[in-house]
Amino acid sequence: MKCLTKSAEDKIKEAAIKVFLEKGFDGTTTRDIAKEAGVNSALMNYYFRSKEKLFSSVFEEMLQLFFEGLIEILNRPISLKDKISNMIDHDFDMFKANPDLSNFVIHELHRNPDRFFSAVSFDKILVHSIFAQQLNDAIKQEAVRKIDIQHILLLMKSNIQFIFQGKVMTCKIWNMEDNEFDEFAEKHRLIVKEMILNYLFSSEK
């Protein structure tokens, strides 16, 4: 059998990412992926063996994208305020460019949590990051509120992820076009920064 060219393999992988992000593992068939890629289903199955094998490859790539750049920001030699601002920008830009990513990761986390946690050791990276040390030092100096690092991350991610998860609902309720939503989202980015930084640096005496 004739081997796939590199471009054909890339087309299948890109198609798999698109379909898996839209439908998840359970809602996707190999026929869906083959149709999206414009290749023969039997040929795709020959090279990628199974939906599960192809999904594993896609899931690992999506996890890398989900955390891509964040670890580097955590260890940048910049102030705590600038670091939090950079982290919010990172999440905002990532989810704006990949609006289905959050739903995909969360859904697959619930479907198969062991796969997620076997692939990610983010907790250890976070605990030993420069960001964690900066936060602990700032708390000891009473420069910021006493708050767990997990709460800061949850405040950032939830307030950024939901605006893109809820885009359809927001546009329907407020009768927004795409360009109006983009302007709204940018304002939301600034509000989230201001809200979190004002809360954090308004330390309780």
Protein backbone atom coordinates (compact mmCIF):
# COMPACT_ATOMS: atom_id res chain seq x y z
CA MET A 1 0.00 0.00 0.00
CA LYS A 2 1.26 3.45 -0.88
CA CYS A 3 2.51 5.40 2.12
CA LEU A 4 0.86 8.64 3.09
CA THR A 5 2.77 11.78 2.31
CA LYS A 6 3.63 14.10 5.17
CA SER A 7 1.03 16.60 3.98
CA ALA A 8 -1.66 13.90 4.01
CA GLU A 9 -0.73 12.89 7.55
CA ASP A 10 -0.91 16.53 8.59
CA LYS A 11 -4.35 16.84 6.97
CA ILE A 12 -5.62 13.85 8.94
CA LYS A 13 -4.19 15.21 12.20
CA GLU A 14 -5.67 18.66 11.59
CA ALA A 15 -9.03 17.10 10.73
CA ALA A 16 -8.92 14.96 13.87
CA ILE A 17 -8.21 18.00 16.04
CA LYS A 18 -11.12 19.91 14.47
CA VAL A 19 -13.63 17.07 14.80
CA PHE A 20 -12.55 15.95 18.28
CA LEU A 21 -12.75 19.54 19.55
CA GLU A 22 -16.25 19.91 18.14
CA LYS A 23 -17.68 16.49 19.05
CA GLY A 24 -15.40 14.99 21.70
CA PHE A 25 -14.20 11.40 21.70
CA ASP A 26 -17.60 9.74 22.08
CA GLY A 27 -19.28 11.80 19.37
CA THR A 28 -16.55 11.30 16.76
CA THR A 29 -16.14 8.44 14.32
CA THR A 30 -13.14 7.63 12.14
CA ARG A 31 -15.44 8.22 9.18
CA ASP A 32 -16.05 11.79 10.41
CA ILE A 33 -12.30 12.41 10.50
CA ALA A 34 -11.67 10.81 7.13
CA LYS A 35 -14.45 12.91 5.57
CA GLU A 36 -13.08 16.12 7.10
CA ALA A 37 -9.55 15.26 5.90
CA GLY A 38 -10.75 14.19 2.45
CA VAL A 39 -9.07 10.77 2.62
CA ASN A 40 -10.21 7.18 2.38
CA SER A 41 -11.42 5.83 5.74
CA ALA A 42 -9.68 2.47 5.25
CA LEU A 43 -6.38 4.20 4.45
CA MET A 44 -6.63 6.35 7.57
CA ASN A 45 -7.40 3.33 9.75
CA TYR A 46 -4.42 1.48 8.28
CA TYR A 47 -1.96 4.12 9.41
CA PHE A 48 -3.59 5.33 12.62
CA ARG A 49 -4.94 1.93 13.65
CA SER A 50 -7.82 3.17 15.80
CA LYS A 51 -9.79 6.18 16.91
CA GLU A 52 -8.32 5.75 20.40
CA LYS A 53 -4.74 5.92 19.13
CA LEU A 54 -5.43 9.03 17.07
CA PHE A 55 -7.31 10.61 19.97
CA SER A 56 -4.40 10.01 22.36
CA SER A 57 -2.11 11.88 20.00
CA VAL A 58 -4.58 14.75 19.67
CA PHE A 59 -5.25 14.90 23.42
CA GLU A 60 -1.56 15.18 24.27
CA GLU A 61 -1.18 17.96 21.71
CA MET A 62 -4.21 19.83 23.11
CA LEU A 63 -2.86 19.52 26.65
CA GLN A 64 0.42 21.01 25.51
CA LEU A 65 -1.50 23.86 23.93
CA PHE A 66 -3.60 24.30 27.09
CA PHE A 67 -0.47 24.79 29.21
CA GLU A 68 1.79 26.15 26.46
CA GLY A 69 3.62 29.28 27.50
CA LEU A 70 2.18 29.31 31.02
CA ILE A 71 5.13 27.56 32.64
CA GLU A 72 7.52 30.01 31.01
CA ILE A 73 5.47 32.92 32.41
CA LEU A 74 5.46 31.39 35.89
CA ASN A 75 9.26 31.54 35.91
CA ARG A 76 9.84 34.91 34.26
CA PRO A 77 12.01 37.31 36.29
CA ILE A 78 9.27 39.96 36.50
CA SER A 79 7.14 41.41 39.27
CA LEU A 80 4.17 39.53 40.72
CA LYS A 81 1.73 42.09 39.29
CA ASP A 82 3.22 41.86 35.81
CA LYS A 83 3.25 38.08 36.02
CA ILE A 84 -0.45 37.87 36.86
CA SER A 85 -1.23 40.30 34.05
CA ASN A 86 0.84 38.20 31.63
CA MET A 87 -0.92 35.01 32.72
CA ILE A 88 -4.34 36.57 32.12
CA ASP A 89 -3.20 37.74 28.67
CA HIS A 90 -1.86 34.26 27.92
CA ASP A 91 -5.15 32.54 28.73
CA PHE A 92 -7.22 35.17 26.95
CA ASP A 93 -5.22 34.95 23.71
CA MET A 94 -5.11 31.15 23.82
CA PHE A 95 -8.86 30.68 24.30
CA LYS A 96 -9.68 33.40 21.79
CA ALA A 97 -7.62 31.54 19.19
CA ASN A 98 -8.96 28.12 20.29
CA PRO A 99 -12.52 28.67 21.61
CA ASP A 100 -13.38 24.94 21.72
CA LEU A 101 -10.25 23.98 23.67
CA SER A 102 -11.62 24.60 27.15
CA ASN A 103 -14.81 22.57 26.61
CA PHE A 104 -12.78 19.77 25.04
CA VAL A 105 -10.27 19.47 27.92
CA ILE A 106 -12.94 19.74 30.63
CA HIS A 107 -15.21 17.18 28.95
CA GLU A 108 -12.39 14.69 28.43
CA LEU A 109 -11.17 15.26 32.00
CA HIS A 110 -14.57 14.11 33.27
CA ARG A 111 -14.72 11.26 30.79
CA ASN A 112 -11.28 9.87 31.59
CA PRO A 113 -9.54 11.70 34.48
CA ASP A 114 -6.74 9.14 34.69
CA ARG A 115 -5.58 10.03 31.18
CA PHE A 116 -5.41 13.72 32.11
CA PHE A 117 -3.55 13.34 35.38
CA SER A 118 -1.10 10.80 33.97
CA ALA A 119 -0.17 13.34 31.29
CA VAL A 120 0.09 16.40 33.54
CA SER A 121 2.24 17.08 36.60
CA PHE A 122 1.34 20.76 36.69
CA ASP A 123 0.90 20.81 40.47
CA LYS A 124 4.57 20.01 41.05
CA ILE A 125 5.69 22.55 38.46
CA LEU A 126 3.48 25.19 40.06
CA VAL A 127 4.63 24.58 43.63
CA HIS A 128 8.29 24.92 42.64
CA SER A 129 7.82 27.91 40.34
CA ILE A 130 9.18 31.42 40.83
CA PHE A 131 5.56 32.58 40.87
CA ALA A 132 4.79 30.45 43.94
CA GLN A 133 7.85 31.82 45.74
CA GLN A 134 6.92 35.41 44.86
CA LEU A 135 3.40 34.91 46.16
CA ASN A 136 4.60 33.34 49.42
CA ASP A 137 7.10 36.15 49.97
CA ALA A 138 4.45 38.80 49.28
CA ILE A 139 2.05 37.14 51.75
CA LYS A 140 4.72 37.05 54.45
CA GLN A 141 5.45 40.73 53.85
CA GLU A 142 1.69 41.46 53.99
CA ALA A 143 1.95 43.04 50.55
CA VAL A 144 -0.94 40.91 49.27
CA ARG A 145 -3.90 39.12 50.74
CA LYS A 146 -3.31 35.69 52.20
CA ILE A 147 -4.60 33.46 49.43
CA ASP A 148 -3.84 30.00 48.11
CA ILE A 149 -2.20 29.83 44.71
CA GLN A 150 -4.97 27.51 43.51
CA HIS A 151 -7.56 30.24 44.10
CA ILE A 152 -5.61 32.77 42.05
CA LEU A 153 -5.38 30.39 39.10
CA LEU A 154 -9.07 29.50 39.37
CA LEU A 155 -10.06 33.18 39.43
CA MET A 156 -8.01 33.85 36.32
CA LYS A 157 -9.00 30.79 34.30
CA SER A 158 -12.70 30.78 35.15
CA ASN A 159 -13.17 34.47 34.39
CA ILE A 160 -11.36 34.16 31.05
CA GLN A 161 -12.55 30.74 29.89
CA PHE A 162 -16.24 31.37 30.41
CA ILE A 163 -16.45 34.42 28.17
CA PHE A 164 -15.42 32.23 25.23
CA GLN A 165 -17.41 29.20 26.37
CA GLY A 166 -20.47 31.44 26.59
CA LYS A 167 -19.91 33.40 23.38
CA VAL A 168 -23.04 32.09 21.63
CA MET A 169 -25.20 32.84 24.65
CA THR A 170 -23.70 36.33 25.08
CA CYS A 171 -24.17 37.20 21.40
CA LYS A 172 -27.78 35.97 21.43
CA ILE A 173 -28.77 37.77 24.64
CA TRP A 174 -27.13 41.08 23.73
CA ASN A 175 -27.61 40.84 19.96
CA MET A 176 -23.88 41.13 19.25
CA GLU A 177 -22.06 40.59 15.98
CA ASP A 178 -18.60 39.00 16.03
CA ASN A 179 -16.78 42.33 15.93
CA GLU A 180 -18.91 43.63 18.81
CA PHE A 181 -18.18 40.51 20.83
CA ASP A 182 -14.45 40.96 20.22
CA GLU A 183 -14.64 44.51 21.61
CA PHE A 184 -16.69 43.26 24.57
CA ALA A 185 -14.17 40.49 25.26
CA GLU A 186 -11.24 42.92 25.23
CA LYS A 187 -13.02 45.09 27.81
CA HIS A 188 -13.64 41.97 29.86
CA ARG A 189 -9.92 41.15 29.79
CA LEU A 190 -9.14 44.53 31.37
CA ILE A 191 -11.91 44.16 33.95
CA VAL A 192 -10.60 40.73 35.01
CA LYS A 193 -7.09 42.12 35.43
CA GLU A 194 -8.31 45.05 37.48
CA MET A 195 -10.60 42.89 39.61
CA ILE A 196 -7.96 40.28 40.49
CA LEU A 197 -5.08 42.71 41.01
CA ASN A 198 -7.18 45.08 43.12
CA TYR A 199 -8.39 42.21 45.27
CA LEU A 200 -4.99 40.65 45.67
CA PHE A 201 -3.05 43.81 46.42
CA SER A 202 -5.67 45.27 48.75
CA SER A 203 -4.14 43.29 51.60
CA GLU A 204 -6.08 42.84 54.80
CA LYS A 205 -4.35 44.41 57.78
